[in-house]
Amino acid sequence: MKDFIHKMSLKSRLKDCFRSAGLCFTSKMGDRIIYAYPKIHSINRITNENRTEIVFSLLNGLDPKEVHKKHFAFKQVFGQSIELKGDTKIYTLNIYHTPLTSNLNYSYKQISPYLDGMNLPIVTGQKKNGRYLVIDSMDVPHIIIQGVTGSGKSSAIRVILTTLIKYKRPEELDIYCIDGKKAEFGLFKKVEHVQAVVHSNAHARKILTHTCKMLASREDLLDTFDVPHINDLPIEHKPKMILVAIDEMIEYLDDKKIQESLIKISSKGRACGIILLASAQRFDADIIDTKARANFSIRMSFRCVDTTNARLLGTKGAENIKAEEKGRLILNFGEMVELQNPHLTYDKAKELLNPYCVNKSEIKPIFDDIEDLNTIPLAIEKQPNIERETHDNDDINLFL
């Protein structure tokens, strides 16, 4: 009986929404106004996903564009925690019972079930139904992260890299870090997967030049075996995956060589197992070449200063995220969704990464053709008696 009353209440509220949004037809019968509403096909409460799903169809002659224009009307009636999907005729309105919250802590134990079977998983955040959205960057390549200071961008980078380090063995993944702020990547220096942490334009240029050489070599390898992707190579010839992470792209905006390398890697890297991750407060043409930006398929926008910056990545709505909603983002990966990214502090990430750190032997150049590259060596010494997997203390403190 309660379920029936609840459905009738939702049906009544939805009709009020249609009427106030003008998504209906009207006619007169004497002094009365008769309303013809879109047809409501079903109302189902889906408990395990923390939502109620309503399916409805527009009347013939109603403009589908008006549904999306009047999205605000559905929020006014049902609250902020909704999703409206559909086109032309049939639409699905999801009403989530619990809103997204900024008090979401990073826990590898909670995230790990979503990683199974993925080559290079990118953790983007938790959806309104409580499930994590993780994207395999070997299928949807290259990641851009933008957002103003304090919006959660730095924490998101730590989440992505820490998760990859815990998920992939050093024999499977090499990470190169280019740190424009000299602030974010220091905790990764001793991690076995990490081959370099550099700061200057000269060193960044060398890293990317070296990556382009590996790209060309891998293209030759694919051609030799006549396969489209490194995952299709014989196991004995399969190279490591490579992630190049660049924090604060604005520091390298005047370097044409870096921009050229980014275009080349972003356009050809996926098949060769080379993925880019780039972050900045904004990503207009001054920060990254438009050609390169178009090749980034995973676009994460935390709070933006204005609509222009949000629209540049196709993440309209990021400009409306409130300052107190730390970790909130709009994701565009072919479809657009609002997410909450888990918070991971610098100190907690350092603690989680400790089992994956090694003693580096005497410094030597990472690349044969580079001298005086003051960074992490390839030669490493494993620390004895280190437990490689520990998940007991993954929960962290909330935002302060």
Protein backbone atom coordinates (compact mmCIF):
# COMPACT_ATOMS: atom_id res chain seq x y z
CA MET A 1 0.00 0.00 0.00
CA LYS A 2 2.84 2.40 0.88
CA ASP A 3 4.51 1.62 -2.44
CA PHE A 4 1.29 2.41 -4.32
CA ILE A 5 0.86 5.73 -2.48
CA HIS A 6 4.52 6.61 -3.14
CA LYS A 7 4.09 5.93 -6.88
CA MET A 8 0.93 8.01 -7.06
CA SER A 9 2.70 10.87 -5.30
CA LEU A 10 5.60 10.74 -7.76
CA LYS A 11 3.19 10.57 -10.69
CA SER A 12 1.38 13.66 -9.44
CA ARG A 13 4.63 15.56 -8.92
CA LEU A 14 5.85 14.60 -12.39
CA LYS A 15 2.67 15.94 -13.96
CA ASP A 16 3.15 19.18 -12.03
CA CYS A 17 6.68 19.29 -13.46
CA PHE A 18 5.43 18.72 -17.02
CA ARG A 19 2.87 21.49 -16.59
CA SER A 20 5.26 24.06 -15.09
CA ALA A 21 7.91 23.26 -17.75
CA GLY A 22 5.39 23.53 -20.60
CA LEU A 23 5.98 19.89 -21.62
CA CYS A 24 2.33 19.24 -22.35
CA PHE A 25 -0.52 20.29 -24.62
CA THR A 26 -3.55 22.24 -23.46
CA SER A 27 -7.09 22.58 -24.77
CA LYS A 28 -10.25 24.26 -23.51
CA MET A 29 -13.55 22.68 -22.64
CA GLY A 30 -15.83 25.49 -21.63
CA ASP A 31 -14.12 27.30 -18.78
CA ARG A 32 -11.87 24.35 -18.06
CA ILE A 33 -8.29 23.85 -19.28
CA ILE A 34 -7.55 20.25 -20.25
CA TYR A 35 -3.92 19.09 -20.03
CA ALA A 36 -2.43 16.30 -22.17
CA TYR A 37 0.76 15.06 -20.46
CA PRO A 38 3.59 12.81 -21.64
CA LYS A 39 2.73 9.17 -20.98
CA ILE A 40 4.25 7.69 -17.79
CA HIS A 41 5.10 4.05 -18.53
CA SER A 42 6.62 2.87 -15.26
CA ILE A 43 7.77 3.93 -11.80
CA ASN A 44 10.18 1.50 -10.14
CA ARG A 45 12.13 1.78 -6.92
CA ILE A 46 15.55 0.12 -7.37
CA THR A 47 16.78 -0.38 -3.82
CA ASN A 48 20.27 -1.76 -4.53
CA GLU A 49 21.08 1.34 -6.60
CA ASN A 50 19.53 3.84 -4.23
CA ARG A 51 17.20 5.28 -6.89
CA THR A 52 13.70 5.44 -8.31
CA GLU A 53 13.38 5.11 -12.06
CA ILE A 54 10.56 6.75 -14.02
CA VAL A 55 10.13 6.06 -17.73
CA PHE A 56 7.96 8.38 -19.81
CA SER A 57 7.42 9.24 -23.47
CA LEU A 58 6.71 12.60 -25.07
CA LEU A 59 3.54 13.30 -26.96
CA ASN A 60 4.00 13.53 -30.71
CA GLY A 61 4.70 17.14 -31.62
CA LEU A 62 6.58 18.06 -28.44
CA ASP A 63 10.13 19.27 -29.14
CA PRO A 64 12.70 16.95 -27.45
CA LYS A 65 15.07 19.90 -27.11
CA GLU A 66 12.62 21.43 -24.64
CA VAL A 67 13.13 18.51 -22.25
CA HIS A 68 16.82 19.30 -21.84
CA LYS A 69 16.22 23.04 -21.77
CA LYS A 70 13.80 22.51 -18.89
CA HIS A 71 16.10 20.19 -16.95
CA PHE A 72 16.07 22.77 -14.17
CA ALA A 73 12.32 22.22 -13.72
CA PHE A 74 12.89 18.55 -12.88
CA LYS A 75 15.51 19.59 -10.31
CA GLN A 76 13.11 22.11 -8.80
CA VAL A 77 10.52 19.38 -8.27
CA PHE A 78 12.70 16.34 -7.42
CA GLY A 79 15.91 17.91 -6.06
CA GLN A 80 19.47 18.10 -7.32
CA SER A 81 20.17 14.34 -7.26
CA ILE A 82 18.54 13.39 -10.55
CA GLU A 83 19.58 12.19 -14.00
CA LEU A 84 17.46 12.63 -17.11
CA LYS A 85 18.36 10.60 -20.20
CA GLY A 86 16.66 10.02 -23.52
CA ASP A 87 16.12 11.37 -26.98
CA THR A 88 13.26 12.12 -29.36
CA LYS A 89 10.57 10.06 -27.61
CA ILE A 90 11.44 7.86 -24.61
CA TYR A 91 13.06 9.33 -21.48
CA THR A 92 14.27 7.91 -18.18
CA LEU A 93 14.29 10.04 -15.04
CA ASN A 94 16.40 8.66 -12.18
CA ILE A 95 15.75 10.15 -8.74
CA TYR A 96 18.50 9.29 -6.26
CA HIS A 97 17.50 8.97 -2.63
CA THR A 98 20.87 10.02 -1.18
CA PRO A 99 22.73 12.98 -2.69
CA LEU A 100 26.43 12.97 -3.52
CA THR A 101 28.53 13.97 -0.54
CA SER A 102 31.98 15.53 -0.26
CA ASN A 103 32.72 13.27 2.72
CA LEU A 104 33.95 10.38 0.55
CA ASN A 105 37.19 8.73 1.62
CA TYR A 106 39.57 6.82 -0.66
CA SER A 107 39.51 3.07 -0.07
CA TYR A 108 41.27 0.71 -2.46
CA LYS A 109 39.29 -2.16 -0.99
CA GLN A 110 36.02 -0.54 -2.11
CA ILE A 111 37.37 0.39 -5.55
CA SER A 112 39.23 -2.84 -6.42
CA PRO A 113 36.14 -4.86 -7.54
CA TYR A 114 35.59 -2.29 -10.30
CA LEU A 115 39.12 -2.80 -11.67
CA ASP A 116 38.84 -6.47 -12.61
CA GLY A 117 39.79 -7.23 -16.19
CA MET A 118 40.93 -3.70 -17.03
CA ASN A 119 44.27 -2.93 -18.65
CA LEU A 120 44.85 0.58 -17.32
CA PRO A 121 41.89 1.61 -15.10
CA ILE A 122 41.22 5.28 -14.38
CA VAL A 123 39.16 5.94 -11.25
CA THR A 124 36.93 8.93 -11.97
CA GLY A 125 34.58 8.93 -8.99
CA GLN A 126 31.46 7.60 -7.33
CA LYS A 127 28.11 7.85 -9.12
CA LYS A 128 24.84 8.86 -7.54
CA ASN A 129 23.87 5.21 -7.21
CA GLY A 130 26.88 4.63 -4.94
CA ARG A 131 28.92 2.70 -7.50
CA TYR A 132 32.34 3.76 -8.77
CA LEU A 133 32.86 4.69 -12.39
CA VAL A 134 36.19 3.31 -13.59
CA ILE A 135 37.24 3.65 -17.24
CA ASP A 136 39.84 1.56 -19.03
CA SER A 137 42.12 4.11 -20.69
CA MET A 138 43.25 1.47 -23.18
CA ASP A 139 39.72 1.71 -24.59
CA VAL A 140 39.05 5.40 -23.87
CA PRO A 141 42.51 6.96 -24.04
CA HIS A 142 44.12 10.00 -22.40
CA ILE A 143 42.88 12.00 -19.41
CA ILE A 144 42.48 15.71 -18.85
CA ILE A 145 41.78 17.05 -15.36
CA GLN A 146 40.94 20.70 -14.76
CA GLY A 147 39.70 22.72 -11.79
CA VAL A 148 40.46 25.72 -9.66
CA THR A 149 42.74 25.53 -6.62
CA GLY A 150 41.12 23.59 -3.80
CA SER A 151 38.50 21.89 -5.97
CA GLY A 152 39.95 18.37 -5.61
CA LYS A 153 42.12 18.14 -8.72
CA SER A 154 45.34 17.21 -6.90
CA SER A 155 43.57 14.55 -4.87
CA ALA A 156 42.11 13.07 -8.07
CA ILE A 157 45.60 12.72 -9.56
CA ARG A 158 46.79 10.95 -6.41
CA VAL A 159 43.76 8.62 -6.58
CA ILE A 160 44.47 7.68 -10.20
CA LEU A 161 48.21 7.07 -9.74
CA THR A 162 47.94 5.34 -6.36
CA THR A 163 45.27 2.98 -7.67
CA LEU A 164 47.34 2.10 -10.75
CA ILE A 165 50.42 1.43 -8.63
CA LYS A 166 48.46 -0.88 -6.34
CA TYR A 167 46.76 -2.61 -9.29
CA LYS A 168 49.62 -3.08 -11.77
CA ARG A 169 52.98 -4.77 -11.15
CA PRO A 170 56.17 -2.81 -11.93
CA GLU A 171 56.79 -5.32 -14.73
CA GLU A 172 53.55 -4.17 -16.37
CA LEU A 173 53.62 -0.38 -16.03
CA ASP A 174 56.10 2.48 -16.21
CA ILE A 175 55.10 5.94 -14.99
CA TYR A 176 56.82 9.20 -15.94
CA CYS A 177 55.91 12.31 -13.92
CA ILE A 178 56.33 15.89 -15.14
CA ASP A 179 55.61 18.19 -12.20
CA GLY A 180 55.20 21.84 -13.13
CA LYS A 181 54.49 22.93 -9.54
CA LYS A 182 57.24 20.84 -7.92
CA ALA A 183 54.63 19.87 -5.36
CA GLU A 184 52.41 16.93 -6.34
CA PHE A 185 54.64 14.11 -7.54
CA GLY A 186 57.31 14.07 -4.87
CA LEU A 187 55.64 11.20 -3.01
CA PHE A 188 55.99 8.96 -6.09
CA LYS A 189 59.78 9.35 -6.46
CA LYS A 190 60.72 6.10 -4.75
CA VAL A 191 57.86 4.00 -6.16
CA GLU A 192 59.24 1.15 -8.26
CA HIS A 193 56.85 1.82 -11.16
CA VAL A 194 57.98 5.45 -11.46
CA GLN A 195 60.89 5.96 -13.83
CA ALA A 196 61.25 9.74 -13.55
CA VAL A 197 59.96 12.80 -11.73
CA VAL A 198 61.09 15.99 -13.48
CA HIS A 199 60.22 19.68 -13.33
CA SER A 200 62.02 21.86 -15.85
CA ASN A 201 61.03 22.42 -19.46
CA ALA A 202 64.30 20.86 -20.62
CA HIS A 203 63.72 17.65 -18.69
CA ALA A 204 60.02 17.55 -19.62
CA ARG A 205 61.02 17.90 -23.26
CA LYS A 206 63.47 15.00 -22.92
CA ILE A 207 60.88 12.78 -21.27
CA LEU A 208 58.38 13.42 -24.06
CA THR A 209 61.00 13.05 -26.79
CA HIS A 210 62.01 9.71 -25.30
CA THR A 211 58.32 8.69 -25.16
CA CYS A 212 57.90 9.60 -28.84
CA LYS A 213 60.88 7.37 -29.68
CA MET A 214 59.25 4.48 -27.77
CA LEU A 215 56.03 5.23 -29.64
CA ALA A 216 57.80 4.88 -33.00
CA SER A 217 59.53 1.68 -31.88
CA ARG A 218 56.23 0.15 -30.79
CA GLU A 219 54.57 1.13 -34.06
CA ASP A 220 57.30 -0.83 -35.86
CA LEU A 221 56.64 -3.77 -33.56
CA LEU A 222 52.92 -3.72 -34.35
CA ASP A 223 53.74 -3.58 -38.04
CA THR A 224 56.13 -6.50 -37.77
CA PHE A 225 53.51 -8.74 -36.16
CA ASP A 226 50.64 -7.18 -38.16
CA VAL A 227 48.47 -6.52 -35.09
CA PRO A 228 46.50 -3.36 -34.15
CA HIS A 229 47.36 -3.11 -30.43
CA ILE A 230 50.19 -4.11 -28.09
CA ASN A 231 47.76 -6.36 -26.22
CA ASP A 232 47.63 -8.51 -29.37
CA LEU A 233 51.40 -9.07 -29.42
CA PRO A 234 52.92 -12.41 -28.37
CA ILE A 235 53.54 -12.34 -24.65
CA GLU A 236 57.32 -12.47 -25.08
CA HIS A 237 57.22 -9.31 -27.21
CA LYS A 238 54.59 -7.39 -25.29
CA PRO A 239 56.06 -4.16 -23.81
CA LYS A 240 55.03 -2.43 -20.61
CA MET A 241 52.20 0.06 -20.59
CA ILE A 242 53.34 3.64 -20.08
CA LEU A 243 51.59 6.51 -18.34
CA VAL A 244 52.99 10.03 -18.69
CA ALA A 245 51.48 12.33 -16.05
CA ILE A 246 51.83 16.10 -16.43
CA ASP A 247 50.72 18.32 -13.59
CA GLU A 248 50.07 22.04 -14.16
CA MET A 249 50.37 22.26 -17.94
CA ILE A 250 50.51 26.07 -17.79
CA GLU A 251 54.20 25.81 -16.88
CA TYR A 252 54.94 24.40 -20.34
CA LEU A 253 52.59 26.42 -22.53
CA ASP A 254 55.36 28.31 -24.40
CA ASP A 255 57.30 25.19 -25.38
CA LYS A 256 56.45 24.21 -28.97
CA LYS A 257 58.45 20.98 -28.75
CA ILE A 258 56.38 19.82 -25.79
CA GLN A 259 53.15 20.70 -27.61
CA GLU A 260 54.27 18.79 -30.71
CA SER A 261 55.10 15.73 -28.62
CA LEU A 262 51.71 15.86 -26.90
CA ILE A 263 49.92 15.93 -30.25
CA LYS A 264 51.91 12.92 -31.48
CA ILE A 265 51.47 10.85 -28.31
CA SER A 266 47.78 11.69 -27.85
CA SER A 267 46.96 10.81 -31.47
CA LYS A 268 48.92 7.52 -31.66
CA GLY A 269 49.56 6.41 -28.10
CA ARG A 270 46.54 4.21 -27.42
CA ALA A 271 47.47 1.36 -29.80
CA CYS A 272 51.03 1.45 -28.49
CA GLY A 273 50.01 1.32 -24.82
CA ILE A 274 51.11 4.89 -24.03
CA ILE A 275 48.62 7.08 -22.18
CA LEU A 276 48.76 10.76 -21.20
CA LEU A 277 47.33 12.34 -18.06
CA ALA A 278 47.40 16.15 -18.03
CA SER A 279 46.10 18.59 -15.43
CA ALA A 280 45.72 22.35 -15.22
CA GLN A 281 43.37 24.94 -13.74
CA ARG A 282 41.97 25.46 -17.23
CA PHE A 283 42.52 23.99 -20.71
CA ASP A 284 42.03 26.74 -23.27
CA ALA A 285 44.15 27.01 -26.43
CA ASP A 286 46.85 28.91 -24.49
CA ILE A 287 47.51 25.88 -22.30
CA ILE A 288 47.34 22.99 -24.75
CA ASP A 289 47.11 22.84 -28.52
CA THR A 290 43.53 22.37 -29.73
CA LYS A 291 44.59 19.34 -31.81
CA ALA A 292 46.03 17.63 -28.74
CA ARG A 293 43.06 18.52 -26.53
CA ALA A 294 40.69 16.87 -29.01
CA ASN A 295 42.50 13.55 -28.51
CA PHE A 296 41.82 13.40 -24.75
CA SER A 297 38.74 11.22 -24.31
CA ILE A 298 38.40 11.26 -20.50
CA ARG A 299 37.66 14.83 -19.41
CA MET A 300 37.27 15.55 -15.71
CA SER A 301 36.22 19.07 -14.71
CA PHE A 302 36.15 20.03 -11.07
CA ARG A 303 34.87 23.50 -10.13
CA CYS A 304 35.60 25.96 -12.95
CA VAL A 305 35.72 29.73 -12.78
CA ASP A 306 33.24 30.25 -15.61
CA THR A 307 31.07 28.63 -18.28
CA THR A 308 33.70 29.14 -21.00
CA ASN A 309 36.28 26.94 -19.25
CA ALA A 310 33.68 24.27 -18.54
CA ARG A 311 32.48 24.17 -22.14
CA LEU A 312 36.00 23.86 -23.54
CA LEU A 313 36.07 20.27 -22.26
CA GLY A 314 32.41 19.64 -22.94
CA THR A 315 31.68 19.60 -19.20
CA LYS A 316 28.95 22.20 -18.92
CA GLY A 317 27.81 22.51 -15.32
CA ALA A 318 31.27 22.42 -13.75
CA GLU A 319 31.00 26.20 -13.33
CA ASN A 320 28.02 25.62 -11.00
CA ILE A 321 29.87 23.37 -8.56
CA LYS A 322 30.02 25.08 -5.19
CA ALA A 323 33.27 25.84 -3.35
CA GLU A 324 32.29 23.59 -0.46
CA GLU A 325 31.66 20.64 -2.80
CA LYS A 326 35.27 19.48 -2.80
CA GLY A 327 35.89 16.54 -5.10
CA ARG A 328 32.70 17.13 -7.12
CA LEU A 329 33.21 16.93 -10.86
CA ILE A 330 31.56 16.71 -14.24
CA LEU A 331 32.94 13.88 -16.36
CA ASN A 332 32.69 13.67 -20.13
CA PHE A 333 33.84 10.39 -21.70
CA GLY A 334 31.36 10.25 -24.55
CA GLU A 335 28.52 10.79 -22.12
CA MET A 336 28.34 13.34 -19.33
CA VAL A 337 27.85 12.48 -15.66
CA GLU A 338 28.24 14.17 -12.28
CA LEU A 339 30.51 12.32 -9.85
CA GLN A 340 32.14 12.59 -6.45
CA ASN A 341 35.86 11.85 -6.47
CA PRO A 342 37.22 10.21 -3.29
CA HIS A 343 39.57 12.35 -1.23
CA LEU A 344 43.16 11.17 -0.78
CA THR A 345 45.58 13.37 1.14
CA TYR A 346 49.29 13.60 0.34
CA ASP A 347 50.25 11.95 3.63
CA LYS A 348 47.73 9.13 3.30
CA ALA A 349 48.84 8.43 -0.28
CA LYS A 350 52.43 8.31 0.93
CA GLU A 351 51.45 5.74 3.55
CA LEU A 352 49.57 3.60 1.01
CA LEU A 353 52.50 3.74 -1.43
CA ASN A 354 55.14 2.76 1.11
CA PRO A 355 54.96 -1.00 0.32
CA TYR A 356 55.72 -0.20 -3.33
CA CYS A 357 58.78 1.94 -2.65
CA VAL A 358 62.31 0.72 -3.25
CA ASN A 359 65.84 1.90 -2.51
CA LYS A 360 67.19 3.51 -5.67
CA SER A 361 70.81 2.68 -6.48
CA GLU A 362 73.33 5.29 -7.56
CA ILE A 363 71.90 7.86 -9.94
CA LYS A 364 72.48 7.33 -13.65
CA PRO A 365 70.78 8.75 -16.75
CA ILE A 366 67.40 7.27 -17.56
CA PHE A 367 67.94 7.63 -21.28
CA ASP A 368 71.11 6.71 -23.16
CA ASP A 369 71.18 10.02 -25.06
CA ILE A 370 70.63 12.18 -21.98
CA GLU A 371 73.29 13.36 -19.66
CA ASP A 372 72.83 15.41 -16.53
CA LEU A 373 69.19 14.37 -15.99
CA ASN A 374 68.94 14.80 -12.25
CA THR A 375 66.06 12.46 -11.57
CA ILE A 376 65.21 8.90 -10.59
CA PRO A 377 67.40 6.09 -11.95
CA LEU A 378 66.15 2.98 -13.62
CA ALA A 379 68.51 0.82 -11.58
CA ILE A 380 66.79 -0.11 -8.33
CA GLU A 381 67.27 -2.30 -5.29
CA LYS A 382 64.24 -3.92 -3.74
CA GLN A 383 63.82 -3.50 -0.03
CA PRO A 384 63.71 -6.82 1.78
CA ASN A 385 60.67 -8.23 3.58
CA ILE A 386 58.11 -5.80 2.21
CA GLU A 387 54.53 -6.99 2.04
CA ARG A 388 53.34 -6.03 -1.46
CA GLU A 389 49.59 -5.83 -0.80
CA THR A 390 48.04 -4.26 2.27
CA HIS A 391 44.46 -3.03 2.34
CA ASP A 392 43.79 -2.85 6.05
CA ASN A 393 44.26 0.90 6.51
CA ASP A 394 42.78 2.29 3.31
CA ASP A 395 40.14 4.51 4.94
CA ILE A 396 41.23 8.10 5.40
CA ASN A 397 40.19 11.26 7.16
CA LEU A 398 37.41 13.41 5.72
CA PHE A 399 37.91 16.84 4.20
CA LEU A 400 38.81 19.35 6.87
